[in-house]
Amino acid sequence: MARPEWFIKLIEKFFHDRFALAKLTNIAPIGLMTDKALFEGDDLFYLPGDRTVQIKQEIQPQQDIVLPSQVVDYFIDKSSYHWVMNFCICRESSDCMDFPIELGCLFLGEAVLGINQQHGRLVSKEEAFQHAALCREMGLIHLIGRNKLDTLWLGTGPGERLMTICNCCPCCCLWKMLPQLTPTIGTKVQKMPGISVLVTDHCAGCGTCSEGECFVDAIQLEEGKAVIGADCRACGRCVEVCPNQAIQLQIDSQNFVLEAIDRLDVLVNLT
């Protein structure tokens, strides 16, 4: 059932409480119930920005280079239904001043027909491509996969008929709560398969990467050098902001895009 406006406003009112609620999931019974009710069947991962990628192979001709955004393009092209939200609920809840609030999520699949038309619109395939490209141009990072929370707050049909493509900023993202969540839930949001993030010897310890750029606080200064922790989801923001180009995001397999597509393809029926 499509959610009314008051329901969305209620979510926005309690959005900042997500960190305290996430901590409660570390209490075993609460964590199990929360996982079942809100995250069952989830599998999502972040796609690093195209410009952060360094292929660990001989450079190919430019037209042949495979980039993370092609995962999004594949599913836009495959889907029969495309829906763009009028707003990002995370940025609207946080009164974001750094990234456009009007650049909302892109949803794919038949379940989008159940979304309240006050909150977005059906778009053509070409409009969906344009929306995704604009989000990348504005510095937003795609999070793609199957997300039960979206079926619940939108009031749509089953999760196997809805694919989420969020466009995330480091300041407001819902998933800033990942470090507080029980690992059983937190590990359902991962880095793109086959990606490694490395700090090189060029690191000068300036701290730029650790000052609010990582939405899960996975990079810290230790003994004058940036160190990347296990919470890293390889979004690539630290790579982009490093003034010394001392952080590298590398793809270790030429088939990384195909591997990502194969993993997602079985989660949602888009035809």
C-alpha atoms as a PDB file:
ATOM      1  CA  MET A   1       0.000   0.000   0.000  1.00  0.00           C
ATOM      2  CA  ALA A   2       1.424   3.377  -1.043  1.00  0.00           C
ATOM      3  CA  ARG A   3       2.600   5.403   1.940  1.00  0.00           C
ATOM      4  CA  PRO A   4       0.869   8.747   2.662  1.00  0.00           C
ATOM      5  CA  GLU A   5       2.773  11.973   3.235  1.00  0.00           C
ATOM      6  CA  TRP A   6       2.377  11.839   7.029  1.00  0.00           C
ATOM      7  CA  PHE A   7       4.149   8.467   7.121  1.00  0.00           C
ATOM      8  CA  ILE A   8       7.179   9.897   5.317  1.00  0.00           C
ATOM      9  CA  LYS A   9       7.272  12.878   7.673  1.00  0.00           C
ATOM     10  CA  LEU A  10       7.214  10.510  10.642  1.00  0.00           C
ATOM     11  CA  ILE A  11      10.241   8.647   9.286  1.00  0.00           C
ATOM     12  CA  GLU A  12      12.084  11.928   8.757  1.00  0.00           C
ATOM     13  CA  LYS A  13      11.325  13.006  12.328  1.00  0.00           C
ATOM     14  CA  PHE A  14      13.015   9.928  13.795  1.00  0.00           C
ATOM     15  CA  PHE A  15      15.788   9.648  11.192  1.00  0.00           C
ATOM     16  CA  HIS A  16      18.502  10.944  13.520  1.00  0.00           C
ATOM     17  CA  ASP A  17      17.633   8.283  16.083  1.00  0.00           C
ATOM     18  CA  ARG A  18      18.880   5.546  13.754  1.00  0.00           C
ATOM     19  CA  PHE A  19      22.278   5.354  15.480  1.00  0.00           C
ATOM     20  CA  ALA A  20      20.759   4.600  18.887  1.00  0.00           C
ATOM     21  CA  LEU A  21      18.348   2.098  17.333  1.00  0.00           C
ATOM     22  CA  ALA A  22      21.203   0.435  15.441  1.00  0.00           C
ATOM     23  CA  LYS A  23      23.117  -0.132  18.687  1.00  0.00           C
ATOM     24  CA  LEU A  24      20.137  -2.040  20.076  1.00  0.00           C
ATOM     25  CA  THR A  25      20.538  -4.680  17.358  1.00  0.00           C
ATOM     26  CA  ASN A  26      23.645  -5.918  19.175  1.00  0.00           C
ATOM     27  CA  ILE A  27      21.306  -7.329  21.820  1.00  0.00           C
ATOM     28  CA  ALA A  28      20.771 -10.799  20.362  1.00  0.00           C
ATOM     29  CA  PRO A  29      16.936 -11.083  20.476  1.00  0.00           C
ATOM     30  CA  ILE A  30      16.464  -7.543  19.166  1.00  0.00           C
ATOM     31  CA  GLY A  31      19.028  -8.105  16.426  1.00  0.00           C
ATOM     32  CA  LEU A  32      17.330 -11.306  15.252  1.00  0.00           C
ATOM     33  CA  MET A  33      13.872  -9.698  15.166  1.00  0.00           C
ATOM     34  CA  THR A  34      15.167  -6.581  13.416  1.00  0.00           C
ATOM     35  CA  ASP A  35      16.981  -8.627  10.817  1.00  0.00           C
ATOM     36  CA  LYS A  36      13.859 -10.657  10.071  1.00  0.00           C
ATOM     37  CA  ALA A  37      11.519  -7.673   9.970  1.00  0.00           C
ATOM     38  CA  LEU A  38      13.626  -5.077   8.157  1.00  0.00           C
ATOM     39  CA  PHE A  39      16.598  -6.666   6.381  1.00  0.00           C
ATOM     40  CA  GLU A  40      15.639 -10.197   5.350  1.00  0.00           C
ATOM     41  CA  GLY A  41      16.887 -11.010   1.845  1.00  0.00           C
ATOM     42  CA  ASP A  42      19.025  -7.865   1.572  1.00  0.00           C
ATOM     43  CA  ASP A  43      22.199  -7.686  -0.479  1.00  0.00           C
ATOM     44  CA  LEU A  44      23.618  -4.293  -1.437  1.00  0.00           C
ATOM     45  CA  PHE A  45      26.973  -2.819  -2.292  1.00  0.00           C
ATOM     46  CA  TYR A  46      28.480   0.540  -3.084  1.00  0.00           C
ATOM     47  CA  LEU A  47      29.850   1.330  -6.513  1.00  0.00           C
ATOM     48  CA  PRO A  48      32.972   3.510  -6.423  1.00  0.00           C
ATOM     49  CA  GLY A  49      33.050   6.543  -8.664  1.00  0.00           C
ATOM     50  CA  ASP A  50      34.343   5.796 -12.147  1.00  0.00           C
ATOM     51  CA  ARG A  51      37.203   8.276 -11.858  1.00  0.00           C
ATOM     52  CA  THR A  52      38.635   6.550  -8.777  1.00  0.00           C
ATOM     53  CA  VAL A  53      39.283   3.240 -10.515  1.00  0.00           C
ATOM     54  CA  GLN A  54      42.750   2.087 -11.507  1.00  0.00           C
ATOM     55  CA  ILE A  55      42.840  -1.150 -13.488  1.00  0.00           C
ATOM     56  CA  LYS A  56      45.794  -3.348 -12.453  1.00  0.00           C
ATOM     57  CA  GLN A  57      46.436  -4.390 -16.032  1.00  0.00           C
ATOM     58  CA  GLU A  58      47.840  -2.997 -19.216  1.00  0.00           C
ATOM     59  CA  ILE A  59      45.816   0.079 -20.152  1.00  0.00           C
ATOM     60  CA  GLN A  60      43.154  -0.646 -22.720  1.00  0.00           C
ATOM     61  CA  PRO A  61      41.807   1.738 -25.335  1.00  0.00           C
ATOM     62  CA  GLN A  62      39.485   4.237 -23.637  1.00  0.00           C
ATOM     63  CA  GLN A  63      36.331   2.881 -25.287  1.00  0.00           C
ATOM     64  CA  ASP A  64      37.046  -0.607 -23.909  1.00  0.00           C
ATOM     65  CA  ILE A  65      37.570   0.337 -20.259  1.00  0.00           C
ATOM     66  CA  VAL A  66      34.921  -1.190 -17.997  1.00  0.00           C
ATOM     67  CA  LEU A  67      33.663   1.104 -15.210  1.00  0.00           C
ATOM     68  CA  PRO A  68      31.519   0.582 -12.082  1.00  0.00           C
ATOM     69  CA  SER A  69      28.675   2.743 -13.419  1.00  0.00           C
ATOM     70  CA  GLN A  70      28.056   0.119 -16.094  1.00  0.00           C
ATOM     71  CA  VAL A  71      26.446  -2.037 -13.402  1.00  0.00           C
ATOM     72  CA  VAL A  72      23.751   0.628 -13.014  1.00  0.00           C
ATOM     73  CA  ASP A  73      23.431   1.036 -16.772  1.00  0.00           C
ATOM     74  CA  TYR A  74      22.914  -2.702 -17.213  1.00  0.00           C
ATOM     75  CA  PHE A  75      19.969  -2.840 -14.823  1.00  0.00           C
ATOM     76  CA  ILE A  76      18.398   0.361 -16.142  1.00  0.00           C
ATOM     77  CA  ASP A  77      18.525  -1.137 -19.614  1.00  0.00           C
ATOM     78  CA  LYS A  78      17.104  -4.458 -18.441  1.00  0.00           C
ATOM     79  CA  SER A  79      14.217  -3.081 -16.392  1.00  0.00           C
ATOM     80  CA  SER A  80      10.721  -2.500 -17.754  1.00  0.00           C
ATOM     81  CA  TYR A  81       9.883   0.056 -15.037  1.00  0.00           C
ATOM     82  CA  HIS A  82      11.906   3.055 -13.819  1.00  0.00           C
ATOM     83  CA  TRP A  83      10.975   5.370 -10.953  1.00  0.00           C
ATOM     84  CA  VAL A  84      12.796   8.500  -9.767  1.00  0.00           C
ATOM     85  CA  MET A  85      12.016   9.922  -6.336  1.00  0.00           C
ATOM     86  CA  ASN A  86      11.404  13.673  -6.029  1.00  0.00           C
ATOM     87  CA  PHE A  87      13.681  13.835  -2.996  1.00  0.00           C
ATOM     88  CA  CYS A  88      16.307  11.934  -1.037  1.00  0.00           C
ATOM     89  CA  ILE A  89      14.732  11.038   2.291  1.00  0.00           C
ATOM     90  CA  CYS A  90      18.167  10.927   3.961  1.00  0.00           C
ATOM     91  CA  ARG A  91      19.197  14.409   2.803  1.00  0.00           C
ATOM     92  CA  GLU A  92      15.752  15.872   3.434  1.00  0.00           C
ATOM     93  CA  SER A  93      15.705  14.445   6.974  1.00  0.00           C
ATOM     94  CA  SER A  94      19.154  15.946   7.604  1.00  0.00           C
ATOM     95  CA  ASP A  95      18.518  19.322   5.904  1.00  0.00           C
ATOM     96  CA  CYS A  96      21.579  18.638   3.760  1.00  0.00           C
ATOM     97  CA  MET A  97      23.459  21.757   2.644  1.00  0.00           C
ATOM     98  CA  ASP A  98      26.161  20.057   0.566  1.00  0.00           C
ATOM     99  CA  PHE A  99      24.318  17.857  -1.950  1.00  0.00           C
ATOM    100  CA  PRO A 100      21.020  18.276  -3.836  1.00  0.00           C
ATOM    101  CA  ILE A 101      18.026  17.033  -1.865  1.00  0.00           C
ATOM    102  CA  GLU A 102      15.969  16.687  -5.054  1.00  0.00           C
ATOM    103  CA  LEU A 103      18.243  13.968  -6.471  1.00  0.00           C
ATOM    104  CA  GLY A 104      16.431  10.989  -4.997  1.00  0.00           C
ATOM    105  CA  CYS A 105      16.750   7.247  -5.352  1.00  0.00           C
ATOM    106  CA  LEU A 106      16.175   5.437  -8.618  1.00  0.00           C
ATOM    107  CA  PHE A 107      13.993   2.349  -8.240  1.00  0.00           C
ATOM    108  CA  LEU A 108      13.588  -0.381 -10.838  1.00  0.00           C
ATOM    109  CA  GLY A 109      11.070  -3.190 -11.253  1.00  0.00           C
ATOM    110  CA  GLU A 110       7.343  -3.772 -11.298  1.00  0.00           C
ATOM    111  CA  ALA A 111       6.951  -2.896  -7.609  1.00  0.00           C
ATOM    112  CA  VAL A 112       7.511   0.800  -8.384  1.00  0.00           C
ATOM    113  CA  LEU A 113       3.904   0.928  -9.577  1.00  0.00           C
ATOM    114  CA  GLY A 114       2.896   0.858  -5.906  1.00  0.00           C
ATOM    115  CA  ILE A 115       4.817   4.000  -4.901  1.00  0.00           C
ATOM    116  CA  ASN A 116       2.795   7.096  -3.957  1.00  0.00           C
ATOM    117  CA  GLN A 117       2.816   9.400  -6.994  1.00  0.00           C
ATOM    118  CA  GLN A 118       3.318  12.407  -4.709  1.00  0.00           C
ATOM    119  CA  HIS A 119       6.822  11.154  -3.963  1.00  0.00           C
ATOM    120  CA  GLY A 120       8.180  10.634  -7.462  1.00  0.00           C
ATOM    121  CA  ARG A 121       7.387   9.654 -11.015  1.00  0.00           C
ATOM    122  CA  LEU A 122       7.703   6.943 -13.610  1.00  0.00           C
ATOM    123  CA  VAL A 123      10.395   7.850 -16.136  1.00  0.00           C
ATOM    124  CA  SER A 124      11.611   6.523 -19.439  1.00  0.00           C
ATOM    125  CA  LYS A 125      14.744   4.442 -19.738  1.00  0.00           C
ATOM    126  CA  GLU A 126      16.594   7.442 -21.178  1.00  0.00           C
ATOM    127  CA  GLU A 127      15.490   9.655 -18.276  1.00  0.00           C
ATOM    128  CA  ALA A 128      16.728   7.014 -15.842  1.00  0.00           C
ATOM    129  CA  PHE A 129      20.151   6.990 -17.537  1.00  0.00           C
ATOM    130  CA  GLN A 130      20.248  10.796 -17.328  1.00  0.00           C
ATOM    131  CA  HIS A 131      19.275  10.816 -13.642  1.00  0.00           C
ATOM    132  CA  ALA A 132      21.994   8.319 -12.718  1.00  0.00           C
ATOM    133  CA  ALA A 133      24.603  10.256 -14.703  1.00  0.00           C
ATOM    134  CA  LEU A 134      23.597  13.553 -13.054  1.00  0.00           C
ATOM    135  CA  CYS A 135      23.892  11.995  -9.604  1.00  0.00           C
ATOM    136  CA  ARG A 136      27.428  10.855 -10.393  1.00  0.00           C
ATOM    137  CA  GLU A 137      28.269  14.291 -11.794  1.00  0.00           C
ATOM    138  CA  MET A 138      27.155  15.861  -8.499  1.00  0.00           C
ATOM    139  CA  GLY A 139      29.506  13.621  -6.523  1.00  0.00           C
ATOM    140  CA  LEU A 140      26.957  11.113  -5.228  1.00  0.00           C
ATOM    141  CA  ILE A 141      27.817   7.430  -4.871  1.00  0.00           C
ATOM    142  CA  HIS A 142      25.517   4.632  -6.028  1.00  0.00           C
ATOM    143  CA  LEU A 143      24.354   1.956  -3.608  1.00  0.00           C
ATOM    144  CA  ILE A 144      22.671  -0.844  -5.538  1.00  0.00           C
ATOM    145  CA  GLY A 145      20.872  -4.053  -4.655  1.00  0.00           C
ATOM    146  CA  ARG A 146      17.842  -5.432  -2.882  1.00  0.00           C
ATOM    147  CA  ASN A 147      16.717  -3.583   0.244  1.00  0.00           C
ATOM    148  CA  LYS A 148      13.691  -4.635   2.289  1.00  0.00           C
ATOM    149  CA  LEU A 149      13.607  -1.270   4.077  1.00  0.00           C
ATOM    150  CA  ASP A 150      12.680   0.393   0.791  1.00  0.00           C
ATOM    151  CA  THR A 151       9.739  -1.934   0.232  1.00  0.00           C
ATOM    152  CA  LEU A 152       8.521  -1.047   3.729  1.00  0.00           C
ATOM    153  CA  TRP A 153       8.826   2.728   3.777  1.00  0.00           C
ATOM    154  CA  LEU A 154       7.526   3.001   0.215  1.00  0.00           C
ATOM    155  CA  GLY A 155       4.758   0.461   0.791  1.00  0.00           C
ATOM    156  CA  THR A 156       5.492  -1.447  -2.408  1.00  0.00           C
ATOM    157  CA  GLY A 157       5.207  -5.061  -3.447  1.00  0.00           C
ATOM    158  CA  PRO A 158       7.725  -7.839  -2.769  1.00  0.00           C
ATOM    159  CA  GLY A 159      11.474  -7.286  -2.628  1.00  0.00           C
ATOM    160  CA  GLU A 160      12.117  -9.558  -5.580  1.00  0.00           C
ATOM    161  CA  ARG A 161      10.306  -6.980  -7.732  1.00  0.00           C
ATOM    162  CA  LEU A 162      12.174  -3.876  -6.533  1.00  0.00           C
ATOM    163  CA  MET A 163      15.804  -2.912  -7.128  1.00  0.00           C
ATOM    164  CA  THR A 164      17.244   0.005  -5.207  1.00  0.00           C
ATOM    165  CA  ILE A 165      19.775   2.428  -6.648  1.00  0.00           C
ATOM    166  CA  CYS A 166      20.477   4.987  -3.933  1.00  0.00           C
ATOM    167  CA  ASN A 167      22.581   8.065  -4.608  1.00  0.00           C
ATOM    168  CA  CYS A 168      24.458   8.608  -1.379  1.00  0.00           C
ATOM    169  CA  CYS A 169      26.347  11.497   0.167  1.00  0.00           C
ATOM    170  CA  PRO A 170      28.852  11.067   3.012  1.00  0.00           C
ATOM    171  CA  CYS A 171      27.042  13.422   5.370  1.00  0.00           C
ATOM    172  CA  CYS A 172      23.466  12.123   5.429  1.00  0.00           C
ATOM    173  CA  CYS A 173      23.452   8.502   4.249  1.00  0.00           C
ATOM    174  CA  LEU A 174      21.186   6.155   6.199  1.00  0.00           C
ATOM    175  CA  TRP A 175      24.030   3.647   6.292  1.00  0.00           C
ATOM    176  CA  LYS A 176      26.279   5.854   8.407  1.00  0.00           C
ATOM    177  CA  MET A 177      24.787   3.624  11.093  1.00  0.00           C
ATOM    178  CA  LEU A 178      26.660   0.569   9.767  1.00  0.00           C
ATOM    179  CA  PRO A 179      29.357   0.626  12.487  1.00  0.00           C
ATOM    180  CA  GLN A 180      26.623   0.515  15.140  1.00  0.00           C
ATOM    181  CA  LEU A 181      24.643  -2.367  13.602  1.00  0.00           C
ATOM    182  CA  THR A 182      25.127  -5.982  14.571  1.00  0.00           C
ATOM    183  CA  PRO A 183      27.457  -7.594  11.987  1.00  0.00           C
ATOM    184  CA  THR A 184      24.672  -9.977  10.943  1.00  0.00           C
ATOM    185  CA  ILE A 185      22.850  -6.966   9.470  1.00  0.00           C
ATOM    186  CA  GLY A 186      25.801  -4.704   8.698  1.00  0.00           C
ATOM    187  CA  THR A 187      27.495  -7.207   6.412  1.00  0.00           C
ATOM    188  CA  LYS A 188      24.503  -7.097   4.071  1.00  0.00           C
ATOM    189  CA  VAL A 189      25.886  -3.772   2.818  1.00  0.00           C
ATOM    190  CA  GLN A 190      29.291  -4.463   1.321  1.00  0.00           C
ATOM    191  CA  LYS A 191      31.954  -3.178  -1.023  1.00  0.00           C
ATOM    192  CA  MET A 192      31.781  -4.028  -4.703  1.00  0.00           C
ATOM    193  CA  PRO A 193      33.289  -7.485  -5.331  1.00  0.00           C
ATOM    194  CA  GLY A 194      36.938  -7.529  -6.380  1.00  0.00           C
ATOM    195  CA  ILE A 195      37.889  -4.079  -5.109  1.00  0.00           C
ATOM    196  CA  SER A 196      40.776  -3.166  -2.827  1.00  0.00           C
ATOM    197  CA  VAL A 197      41.551   0.224  -1.281  1.00  0.00           C
ATOM    198  CA  LEU A 198      45.195   0.879  -0.504  1.00  0.00           C
ATOM    199  CA  VAL A 199      47.136   3.624   1.255  1.00  0.00           C
ATOM    200  CA  THR A 200      50.510   4.096  -0.431  1.00  0.00           C
ATOM    201  CA  ASP A 201      53.801   5.419   0.906  1.00  0.00           C
ATOM    202  CA  HIS A 202      52.895   8.854  -0.478  1.00  0.00           C
ATOM    203  CA  CYS A 203      50.554   9.413   2.489  1.00  0.00           C
ATOM    204  CA  ALA A 204      51.636  12.572   4.338  1.00  0.00           C
ATOM    205  CA  GLY A 205      49.218  12.135   7.240  1.00  0.00           C
ATOM    206  CA  CYS A 206      47.308  15.332   6.460  1.00  0.00           C
ATOM    207  CA  GLY A 207      44.007  13.861   7.696  1.00  0.00           C
ATOM    208  CA  THR A 208      41.891  15.081   4.777  1.00  0.00           C
ATOM    209  CA  CYS A 209      40.494  11.585   4.171  1.00  0.00           C
ATOM    210  CA  SER A 210      39.469  11.136   7.814  1.00  0.00           C
ATOM    211  CA  GLU A 211      37.604  14.421   8.190  1.00  0.00           C
ATOM    212  CA  GLY A 212      34.022  13.501   7.380  1.00  0.00           C
ATOM    213  CA  GLU A 213      34.601  11.989   3.938  1.00  0.00           C
ATOM    214  CA  CYS A 214      34.141   8.350   4.947  1.00  0.00           C
ATOM    215  CA  PHE A 215      30.511   7.751   5.864  1.00  0.00           C
ATOM    216  CA  VAL A 216      31.407   4.757   8.062  1.00  0.00           C
ATOM    217  CA  ASP A 217      34.555   6.292   9.609  1.00  0.00           C
ATOM    218  CA  ALA A 218      36.640   3.438   8.233  1.00  0.00           C
ATOM    219  CA  ILE A 219      39.803   5.492   7.688  1.00  0.00           C
ATOM    220  CA  GLN A 220      41.816   6.912  10.571  1.00  0.00           C
ATOM    221  CA  LEU A 221      45.244   8.379  11.209  1.00  0.00           C
ATOM    222  CA  GLU A 222      47.611   6.104  13.092  1.00  0.00           C
ATOM    223  CA  GLU A 223      51.202   7.148  13.734  1.00  0.00           C
ATOM    224  CA  GLY A 224      50.968   9.841  11.092  1.00  0.00           C
ATOM    225  CA  LYS A 225      49.531   7.682   8.312  1.00  0.00           C
ATOM    226  CA  ALA A 226      46.037   6.886   7.077  1.00  0.00           C
ATOM    227  CA  VAL A 227      44.906   3.358   7.895  1.00  0.00           C
ATOM    228  CA  ILE A 228      41.816   1.751   6.346  1.00  0.00           C
ATOM    229  CA  GLY A 229      39.758  -0.475   8.626  1.00  0.00           C
ATOM    230  CA  ALA A 230      37.518  -3.467   8.037  1.00  0.00           C
ATOM    231  CA  ASP A 231      34.385  -1.287   7.878  1.00  0.00           C
ATOM    232  CA  CYS A 232      35.489   0.168   4.521  1.00  0.00           C
ATOM    233  CA  ARG A 233      32.840  -0.197   1.801  1.00  0.00           C
ATOM    234  CA  ALA A 234      35.181   1.022  -0.979  1.00  0.00           C
ATOM    235  CA  CYS A 235      33.063   3.985  -2.045  1.00  0.00           C
ATOM    236  CA  GLY A 236      36.238   5.740  -3.213  1.00  0.00           C
ATOM    237  CA  ARG A 237      35.681   9.103  -1.515  1.00  0.00           C
ATOM    238  CA  CYS A 238      39.024   8.972   0.253  1.00  0.00           C
ATOM    239  CA  VAL A 239      40.668   8.387  -3.128  1.00  0.00           C
ATOM    240  CA  GLU A 240      39.030  11.488  -4.596  1.00  0.00           C
ATOM    241  CA  VAL A 241      39.860  13.889  -1.756  1.00  0.00           C
ATOM    242  CA  CYS A 242      43.459  12.869  -1.038  1.00  0.00           C
ATOM    243  CA  PRO A 243      45.616  15.871  -2.043  1.00  0.00           C
ATOM    244  CA  ASN A 244      48.684  13.658  -2.516  1.00  0.00           C
ATOM    245  CA  GLN A 245      46.988  10.904  -4.534  1.00  0.00           C
ATOM    246  CA  ALA A 246      48.230   8.549  -1.834  1.00  0.00           C
ATOM    247  CA  ILE A 247      45.125   6.334  -1.726  1.00  0.00           C
ATOM    248  CA  GLN A 248      44.344   3.954  -4.545  1.00  0.00           C
ATOM    249  CA  LEU A 249      41.210   2.037  -5.371  1.00  0.00           C
ATOM    250  CA  GLN A 250      42.083  -0.870  -7.604  1.00  0.00           C
ATOM    251  CA  ILE A 251      40.114  -3.458  -9.511  1.00  0.00           C
ATOM    252  CA  ASP A 252      41.901  -6.788  -9.456  1.00  0.00           C
ATOM    253  CA  SER A 253      39.773  -8.606 -12.016  1.00  0.00           C
ATOM    254  CA  GLN A 254      38.839  -7.595 -15.533  1.00  0.00           C
ATOM    255  CA  ASN A 255      35.472  -9.261 -14.938  1.00  0.00           C
ATOM    256  CA  PHE A 256      34.542  -7.224 -11.848  1.00  0.00           C
ATOM    257  CA  VAL A 257      31.496  -5.634 -13.484  1.00  0.00           C
ATOM    258  CA  LEU A 258      30.180  -8.962 -14.764  1.00  0.00           C
ATOM    259  CA  GLU A 259      30.709 -10.514 -11.344  1.00  0.00           C
ATOM    260  CA  ALA A 260      28.714  -7.692  -9.733  1.00  0.00           C
ATOM    261  CA  ILE A 261      25.916  -8.027 -12.281  1.00  0.00           C
ATOM    262  CA  ASP A 262      25.725 -11.797 -11.793  1.00  0.00           C
ATOM    263  CA  ARG A 263      25.431 -11.357  -8.051  1.00  0.00           C
ATOM    264  CA  LEU A 264      22.589  -8.845  -8.324  1.00  0.00           C
ATOM    265  CA  ASP A 265      20.767 -10.407 -11.257  1.00  0.00           C
ATOM    266  CA  VAL A 266      19.355 -13.261  -9.190  1.00  0.00           C
ATOM    267  CA  LEU A 267      17.976 -10.954  -6.481  1.00  0.00           C
ATOM    268  CA  VAL A 268      15.354  -8.991  -8.407  1.00  0.00           C
ATOM    269  CA  ASN A 269      13.137  -9.830 -11.383  1.00  0.00           C
ATOM    270  CA  LEU A 270      13.114  -6.704 -13.558  1.00  0.00           C
ATOM    271  CA  THR A 271      11.295  -8.032 -16.624  1.00  0.00           C
END
